[in-house]
Amino acid sequence: MTDINKFLSDMQKSLKHDRQNNGGKSDYNRVKNDLRRLFERNVAMVGELADSVYEYWENEYIYRSADIKAEPSEENQNRLVAYLAFLENSDEFQELISDADWNEFGRLVNFEAEDLDVDVLQDLMKILVSKGAY
């Protein structure tokens, strides 16, 4: 199992555990801190960029949902996995990343650039250039 698939599995386990402990009902507000820590732990090599990307996902896709308690939906779970794949320099799930997402990632990488390892920064920049974010 790749790290990316393990992340998806761990995220789904966390969501399932929350539902089991709460009468079969999920609520993003109960799991959001666990999901954030899980995401950040899986891409620790990018430092604060992980937090910025997670916040973007949360603000753009979770908080705009008509039913936040049902979030993250399967689509939004997969989207977060795609974001993790990008940060890990993998092309898995990239079809789930929109042009607007790529543009935002370009902005976030620029903002965090001075704190990133040079090799990590170069890898992210190559992907962003290939996706037209710059």
N, C-alpha and C. Protein backbone atom coordinates (compact mmCIF):
# COMPACT_ATOMS: atom_id res chain seq x y z
N MET A 1 0.85 -1.18 0.00
CA MET A 1 0.00 0.00 0.00
C MET A 1 0.89 1.24 0.00
N THR A 2 0.61 2.18 -0.90
CA THR A 2 1.40 3.40 -0.94
C THR A 2 1.04 4.28 0.26
N ASP A 3 1.89 5.24 0.53
CA ASP A 3 1.60 6.18 1.61
C ASP A 3 0.29 6.90 1.37
N ILE A 4 0.00 7.18 0.11
CA ILE A 4 -1.21 7.91 -0.24
C ILE A 4 -2.44 7.05 0.06
N ASN A 5 -2.40 5.78 -0.32
CA ASN A 5 -3.52 4.89 -0.02
C ASN A 5 -3.65 4.64 1.48
N LYS A 6 -2.54 4.59 2.18
CA LYS A 6 -2.58 4.43 3.64
C LYS A 6 -3.24 5.65 4.27
N PHE A 7 -2.91 6.84 3.77
CA PHE A 7 -3.55 8.05 4.27
C PHE A 7 -5.06 7.98 4.08
N LEU A 8 -5.50 7.58 2.89
CA LEU A 8 -6.94 7.46 2.63
C LEU A 8 -7.58 6.45 3.58
N SER A 9 -6.93 5.33 3.77
CA SER A 9 -7.44 4.31 4.68
C SER A 9 -7.52 4.84 6.12
N ASP A 10 -6.48 5.53 6.56
CA ASP A 10 -6.47 6.09 7.92
C ASP A 10 -7.57 7.15 8.09
N MET A 11 -7.77 7.96 7.06
CA MET A 11 -8.82 8.98 7.12
C MET A 11 -10.19 8.30 7.22
N GLN A 12 -10.41 7.29 6.41
CA GLN A 12 -11.69 6.60 6.44
C GLN A 12 -11.92 5.89 7.77
N LYS A 13 -10.87 5.33 8.36
CA LYS A 13 -10.99 4.70 9.68
C LYS A 13 -11.38 5.73 10.73
N SER A 14 -10.78 6.89 10.68
CA SER A 14 -11.10 7.95 11.64
C SER A 14 -12.57 8.37 11.51
N LEU A 15 -13.04 8.52 10.28
CA LEU A 15 -14.43 8.90 10.04
C LEU A 15 -15.39 7.79 10.51
N LYS A 16 -15.04 6.55 10.23
CA LYS A 16 -15.87 5.41 10.64
C LYS A 16 -15.93 5.32 12.17
N HIS A 17 -14.78 5.50 12.82
CA HIS A 17 -14.73 5.46 14.28
C HIS A 17 -15.62 6.54 14.87
N ASP A 18 -15.60 7.73 14.29
CA ASP A 18 -16.45 8.82 14.78
C ASP A 18 -17.92 8.45 14.64
N ARG A 19 -18.29 7.90 13.50
CA ARG A 19 -19.70 7.50 13.31
C ARG A 19 -20.11 6.41 14.31
N GLN A 20 -19.23 5.44 14.52
CA GLN A 20 -19.55 4.35 15.45
C GLN A 20 -19.75 4.85 16.87
N ASN A 21 -19.01 5.86 17.25
CA ASN A 21 -19.10 6.40 18.61
C ASN A 21 -20.20 7.43 18.78
N ASN A 22 -20.90 7.75 17.68
CA ASN A 22 -21.91 8.80 17.75
C ASN A 22 -23.19 8.41 17.05
N GLY A 23 -23.63 7.19 17.32
CA GLY A 23 -24.93 6.74 16.82
C GLY A 23 -25.05 6.69 15.31
N GLY A 24 -23.95 6.46 14.62
CA GLY A 24 -23.99 6.36 13.16
C GLY A 24 -24.00 7.68 12.43
N LYS A 25 -23.89 8.77 13.18
CA LYS A 25 -23.90 10.10 12.55
C LYS A 25 -22.50 10.69 12.58
N SER A 26 -22.12 11.26 11.46
CA SER A 26 -20.82 11.91 11.41
C SER A 26 -20.99 13.42 11.58
N ASP A 27 -19.92 14.04 11.93
CA ASP A 27 -19.92 15.50 12.08
C ASP A 27 -18.49 15.98 11.88
N TYR A 28 -18.28 16.75 10.84
CA TYR A 28 -16.94 17.23 10.52
C TYR A 28 -16.30 17.96 11.70
N ASN A 29 -17.09 18.68 12.45
CA ASN A 29 -16.53 19.44 13.57
C ASN A 29 -15.86 18.55 14.62
N ARG A 30 -16.31 17.29 14.74
CA ARG A 30 -15.69 16.37 15.68
C ARG A 30 -14.38 15.79 15.15
N VAL A 31 -14.26 15.65 13.84
CA VAL A 31 -13.09 14.96 13.27
C VAL A 31 -12.07 15.90 12.64
N LYS A 32 -12.40 17.16 12.51
CA LYS A 32 -11.53 18.06 11.74
C LYS A 32 -10.11 18.15 12.30
N ASN A 33 -9.94 18.18 13.60
CA ASN A 33 -8.58 18.28 14.15
C ASN A 33 -7.78 17.01 13.91
N ASP A 34 -8.44 15.86 14.02
CA ASP A 34 -7.76 14.59 13.74
C ASP A 34 -7.35 14.50 12.27
N LEU A 35 -8.24 14.92 11.38
CA LEU A 35 -7.92 14.88 9.95
C LEU A 35 -6.77 15.83 9.61
N ARG A 36 -6.79 17.00 10.21
CA ARG A 36 -5.71 17.97 9.96
C ARG A 36 -4.36 17.39 10.42
N ARG A 37 -4.34 16.83 11.62
CA ARG A 37 -3.08 16.25 12.13
C ARG A 37 -2.61 15.09 11.26
N LEU A 38 -3.53 14.26 10.83
CA LEU A 38 -3.20 13.14 9.96
C LEU A 38 -2.59 13.64 8.64
N PHE A 39 -3.20 14.64 8.06
CA PHE A 39 -2.70 15.21 6.80
C PHE A 39 -1.31 15.80 7.00
N GLU A 40 -1.17 16.63 8.01
CA GLU A 40 0.11 17.30 8.27
C GLU A 40 1.22 16.30 8.59
N ARG A 41 0.89 15.27 9.31
CA ARG A 41 1.88 14.25 9.65
C ARG A 41 2.37 13.51 8.39
N ASN A 42 1.48 13.32 7.44
CA ASN A 42 1.84 12.60 6.23
C ASN A 42 2.66 13.42 5.25
N VAL A 43 2.66 14.71 5.39
CA VAL A 43 3.47 15.57 4.50
C VAL A 43 4.29 16.55 5.33
N ALA A 44 4.89 16.05 6.39
CA ALA A 44 5.67 16.90 7.29
C ALA A 44 6.83 17.58 6.57
N MET A 45 7.32 16.98 5.48
CA MET A 45 8.49 17.54 4.79
C MET A 45 8.20 18.90 4.15
N VAL A 46 6.93 19.27 4.04
CA VAL A 46 6.62 20.58 3.45
C VAL A 46 6.27 21.61 4.51
N GLY A 47 6.37 21.25 5.77
CA GLY A 47 6.18 22.20 6.87
C GLY A 47 4.81 22.87 6.85
N GLU A 48 4.84 24.19 6.96
CA GLU A 48 3.61 24.99 7.05
C GLU A 48 2.77 24.95 5.79
N LEU A 49 3.38 24.57 4.66
CA LEU A 49 2.62 24.46 3.42
C LEU A 49 1.49 23.44 3.58
N ALA A 50 1.74 22.36 4.32
CA ALA A 50 0.70 21.36 4.55
C ALA A 50 -0.52 21.99 5.23
N ASP A 51 -0.28 22.80 6.23
CA ASP A 51 -1.37 23.46 6.94
C ASP A 51 -2.13 24.41 6.01
N SER A 52 -1.40 25.13 5.18
CA SER A 52 -2.03 26.07 4.23
C SER A 52 -2.90 25.33 3.22
N VAL A 53 -2.39 24.21 2.70
CA VAL A 53 -3.16 23.42 1.73
C VAL A 53 -4.40 22.84 2.40
N TYR A 54 -4.25 22.34 3.62
CA TYR A 54 -5.40 21.79 4.34
C TYR A 54 -6.45 22.88 4.56
N GLU A 55 -6.02 24.04 4.99
CA GLU A 55 -6.96 25.15 5.21
C GLU A 55 -7.68 25.52 3.92
N TYR A 56 -6.96 25.53 2.81
CA TYR A 56 -7.59 25.82 1.52
C TYR A 56 -8.69 24.78 1.24
N TRP A 57 -8.35 23.49 1.39
CA TRP A 57 -9.33 22.42 1.16
C TRP A 57 -10.55 22.61 2.06
N GLU A 58 -10.28 22.87 3.32
CA GLU A 58 -11.36 23.04 4.29
C GLU A 58 -12.26 24.22 3.92
N ASN A 59 -11.68 25.36 3.63
CA ASN A 59 -12.45 26.57 3.31
C ASN A 59 -13.17 26.47 1.97
N GLU A 60 -12.51 25.89 1.01
CA GLU A 60 -13.06 25.83 -0.35
C GLU A 60 -14.11 24.73 -0.52
N TYR A 61 -13.92 23.61 0.13
CA TYR A 61 -14.78 22.46 -0.15
C TYR A 61 -15.61 21.99 1.05
N ILE A 62 -15.14 22.15 2.24
CA ILE A 62 -15.88 21.65 3.40
C ILE A 62 -16.85 22.72 3.92
N TYR A 63 -16.34 23.90 4.22
CA TYR A 63 -17.19 24.93 4.80
C TYR A 63 -18.21 25.50 3.83
N ARG A 64 -18.06 25.24 2.55
CA ARG A 64 -19.04 25.69 1.56
C ARG A 64 -20.13 24.65 1.31
N SER A 65 -20.02 23.53 1.98
CA SER A 65 -20.97 22.44 1.80
C SER A 65 -22.33 22.81 2.40
N ALA A 66 -23.38 22.32 1.77
CA ALA A 66 -24.73 22.55 2.29
C ALA A 66 -24.95 21.78 3.58
N ASP A 67 -24.22 20.69 3.78
CA ASP A 67 -24.38 19.85 4.98
C ASP A 67 -23.00 19.52 5.54
N ILE A 68 -22.45 20.42 6.34
CA ILE A 68 -21.09 20.25 6.85
C ILE A 68 -20.98 18.99 7.72
N LYS A 69 -22.06 18.60 8.35
CA LYS A 69 -21.99 17.41 9.20
C LYS A 69 -21.73 16.15 8.38
N ALA A 70 -22.09 16.16 7.11
CA ALA A 70 -21.88 15.00 6.23
C ALA A 70 -20.49 15.03 5.58
N GLU A 71 -19.73 16.04 5.87
CA GLU A 71 -18.40 16.17 5.27
C GLU A 71 -17.35 15.48 6.13
N PRO A 72 -16.25 15.08 5.55
CA PRO A 72 -15.95 15.18 4.13
C PRO A 72 -16.63 14.07 3.33
N SER A 73 -17.27 14.47 2.25
CA SER A 73 -17.88 13.52 1.34
C SER A 73 -16.78 12.67 0.70
N GLU A 74 -17.17 11.61 0.04
CA GLU A 74 -16.17 10.77 -0.63
C GLU A 74 -15.37 11.59 -1.64
N GLU A 75 -16.05 12.45 -2.36
CA GLU A 75 -15.37 13.32 -3.33
C GLU A 75 -14.34 14.22 -2.64
N ASN A 76 -14.71 14.79 -1.53
CA ASN A 76 -13.78 15.67 -0.82
C ASN A 76 -12.67 14.90 -0.12
N GLN A 77 -12.93 13.67 0.29
CA GLN A 77 -11.86 12.83 0.81
C GLN A 77 -10.83 12.57 -0.29
N ASN A 78 -11.33 12.21 -1.46
CA ASN A 78 -10.43 11.95 -2.59
C ASN A 78 -9.67 13.19 -3.01
N ARG A 79 -10.33 14.33 -2.91
CA ARG A 79 -9.66 15.59 -3.26
C ARG A 79 -8.49 15.84 -2.29
N LEU A 80 -8.72 15.61 -1.00
CA LEU A 80 -7.64 15.80 -0.03
C LEU A 80 -6.49 14.82 -0.29
N VAL A 81 -6.84 13.61 -0.70
CA VAL A 81 -5.81 12.62 -1.07
C VAL A 81 -5.02 13.13 -2.27
N ALA A 82 -5.69 13.73 -3.22
CA ALA A 82 -5.00 14.30 -4.39
C ALA A 82 -4.04 15.41 -3.97
N TYR A 83 -4.47 16.23 -3.03
CA TYR A 83 -3.61 17.30 -2.54
C TYR A 83 -2.37 16.73 -1.85
N LEU A 84 -2.58 15.68 -1.07
CA LEU A 84 -1.46 15.01 -0.42
C LEU A 84 -0.50 14.45 -1.47
N ALA A 85 -1.05 13.84 -2.51
CA ALA A 85 -0.23 13.28 -3.58
C ALA A 85 0.62 14.37 -4.23
N PHE A 86 0.02 15.52 -4.50
CA PHE A 86 0.78 16.64 -5.05
C PHE A 86 1.95 17.01 -4.15
N LEU A 87 1.68 17.15 -2.86
CA LEU A 87 2.73 17.55 -1.92
C LEU A 87 3.82 16.49 -1.79
N GLU A 88 3.48 15.24 -2.11
CA GLU A 88 4.46 14.16 -2.08
C GLU A 88 5.11 13.92 -3.44
N ASN A 89 4.85 14.82 -4.39
CA ASN A 89 5.44 14.73 -5.72
C ASN A 89 4.97 13.47 -6.45
N SER A 90 3.71 13.14 -6.30
CA SER A 90 3.11 11.99 -6.97
C SER A 90 2.04 12.48 -7.93
N ASP A 91 1.85 11.77 -9.02
CA ASP A 91 0.80 12.17 -9.96
C ASP A 91 -0.51 11.42 -9.75
N GLU A 92 -0.60 10.65 -8.66
CA GLU A 92 -1.85 9.96 -8.34
C GLU A 92 -2.96 10.96 -8.03
N PHE A 93 -4.13 10.68 -8.53
CA PHE A 93 -5.34 11.46 -8.23
C PHE A 93 -5.31 12.90 -8.77
N GLN A 94 -4.33 13.26 -9.58
CA GLN A 94 -4.23 14.66 -10.01
C GLN A 94 -5.41 15.12 -10.86
N GLU A 95 -6.15 14.17 -11.44
CA GLU A 95 -7.32 14.56 -12.22
C GLU A 95 -8.40 15.19 -11.34
N LEU A 96 -8.28 15.03 -10.03
CA LEU A 96 -9.25 15.61 -9.10
C LEU A 96 -8.91 17.05 -8.71
N ILE A 97 -7.77 17.53 -9.16
CA ILE A 97 -7.33 18.88 -8.81
C ILE A 97 -7.72 19.82 -9.94
N SER A 98 -8.51 20.83 -9.60
CA SER A 98 -9.02 21.78 -10.60
C SER A 98 -7.96 22.82 -10.96
N ASP A 99 -8.20 23.55 -12.03
CA ASP A 99 -7.30 24.64 -12.41
C ASP A 99 -7.22 25.69 -11.29
N ALA A 100 -8.35 25.95 -10.66
CA ALA A 100 -8.36 26.92 -9.56
C ALA A 100 -7.50 26.41 -8.40
N ASP A 101 -7.57 25.10 -8.14
CA ASP A 101 -6.73 24.51 -7.10
C ASP A 101 -5.25 24.69 -7.44
N TRP A 102 -4.88 24.37 -8.69
CA TRP A 102 -3.47 24.51 -9.10
C TRP A 102 -3.00 25.94 -8.92
N ASN A 103 -3.83 26.90 -9.30
CA ASN A 103 -3.46 28.30 -9.14
C ASN A 103 -3.25 28.67 -7.68
N GLU A 104 -4.13 28.17 -6.83
CA GLU A 104 -3.99 28.44 -5.40
C GLU A 104 -2.74 27.77 -4.85
N PHE A 105 -2.45 26.55 -5.29
CA PHE A 105 -1.23 25.87 -4.85
C PHE A 105 0.00 26.68 -5.26
N GLY A 106 -0.02 27.25 -6.47
CA GLY A 106 1.09 28.09 -6.90
C GLY A 106 1.28 29.27 -5.96
N ARG A 107 0.18 29.89 -5.59
CA ARG A 107 0.25 31.03 -4.66
C ARG A 107 0.77 30.59 -3.30
N LEU A 108 0.28 29.47 -2.81
CA LEU A 108 0.71 28.98 -1.49
C LEU A 108 2.17 28.57 -1.49
N VAL A 109 2.62 27.90 -2.54
CA VAL A 109 4.03 27.49 -2.63
C VAL A 109 4.91 28.73 -2.67
N ASN A 110 4.52 29.73 -3.43
CA ASN A 110 5.30 30.98 -3.45
C ASN A 110 5.40 31.59 -2.07
N PHE A 111 4.30 31.59 -1.34
CA PHE A 111 4.27 32.18 -0.02
C PHE A 111 5.17 31.44 0.96
N GLU A 112 5.21 30.11 0.85
CA GLU A 112 5.99 29.28 1.78
C GLU A 112 7.38 28.93 1.26
N ALA A 113 7.74 29.41 0.08
CA ALA A 113 8.96 28.98 -0.61
C ALA A 113 10.23 29.08 0.23
N GLU A 114 10.41 30.15 0.95
CA GLU A 114 11.67 30.33 1.69
C GLU A 114 11.84 29.33 2.82
N ASP A 115 10.74 28.71 3.26
CA ASP A 115 10.82 27.75 4.36
C ASP A 115 10.89 26.29 3.86
N LEU A 116 10.82 26.09 2.55
CA LEU A 116 10.83 24.74 2.00
C LEU A 116 12.25 24.31 1.63
N ASP A 117 12.52 23.01 1.78
CA ASP A 117 13.76 22.43 1.30
C ASP A 117 13.85 22.70 -0.20
N VAL A 118 15.04 23.01 -0.68
CA VAL A 118 15.23 23.39 -2.08
C VAL A 118 14.76 22.28 -3.02
N ASP A 119 15.08 21.04 -2.71
CA ASP A 119 14.67 19.93 -3.58
C ASP A 119 13.15 19.78 -3.60
N VAL A 120 12.52 19.91 -2.47
CA VAL A 120 11.06 19.83 -2.39
C VAL A 120 10.45 20.98 -3.18
N LEU A 121 10.99 22.17 -3.01
CA LEU A 121 10.49 23.34 -3.74
C LEU A 121 10.61 23.13 -5.24
N GLN A 122 11.74 22.64 -5.69
CA GLN A 122 11.93 22.40 -7.13
C GLN A 122 10.92 21.39 -7.66
N ASP A 123 10.69 20.32 -6.92
CA ASP A 123 9.72 19.31 -7.35
C ASP A 123 8.32 19.90 -7.45
N LEU A 124 7.92 20.68 -6.45
CA LEU A 124 6.59 21.28 -6.47
C LEU A 124 6.47 22.29 -7.62
N MET A 125 7.51 23.06 -7.84
CA MET A 125 7.49 24.06 -8.91
C MET A 125 7.38 23.39 -10.28
N LYS A 126 8.07 22.28 -10.48
CA LYS A 126 7.97 21.56 -11.76
C LYS A 126 6.54 21.14 -12.03
N ILE A 127 5.90 20.60 -11.01
CA ILE A 127 4.50 20.17 -11.17
C ILE A 127 3.62 21.37 -11.47
N LEU A 128 3.80 22.43 -10.72
CA LEU A 128 2.97 23.61 -10.89
C LEU A 128 3.14 24.24 -12.28
N VAL A 129 4.35 24.28 -12.76
CA VAL A 129 4.61 24.80 -14.11
C VAL A 129 3.92 23.91 -15.14
N SER A 130 4.04 22.58 -14.98
CA SER A 130 3.42 21.66 -15.94
C SER A 130 1.90 21.77 -15.93
N LYS A 131 1.32 22.21 -14.82
CA LYS A 131 -0.14 22.35 -14.71
C LYS A 131 -0.62 23.77 -15.04
N GLY A 132 0.30 24.64 -15.42
CA GLY A 132 -0.07 25.99 -15.82
C GLY A 132 -0.39 26.93 -14.68
N ALA A 133 0.11 26.62 -13.50
CA ALA A 133 -0.17 27.47 -12.33
C ALA A 133 0.66 28.74 -12.36
N TYR A 134 1.72 28.76 -13.17
CA TYR A 134 2.57 29.97 -13.27
C TYR A 134 2.58 30.47 -14.69
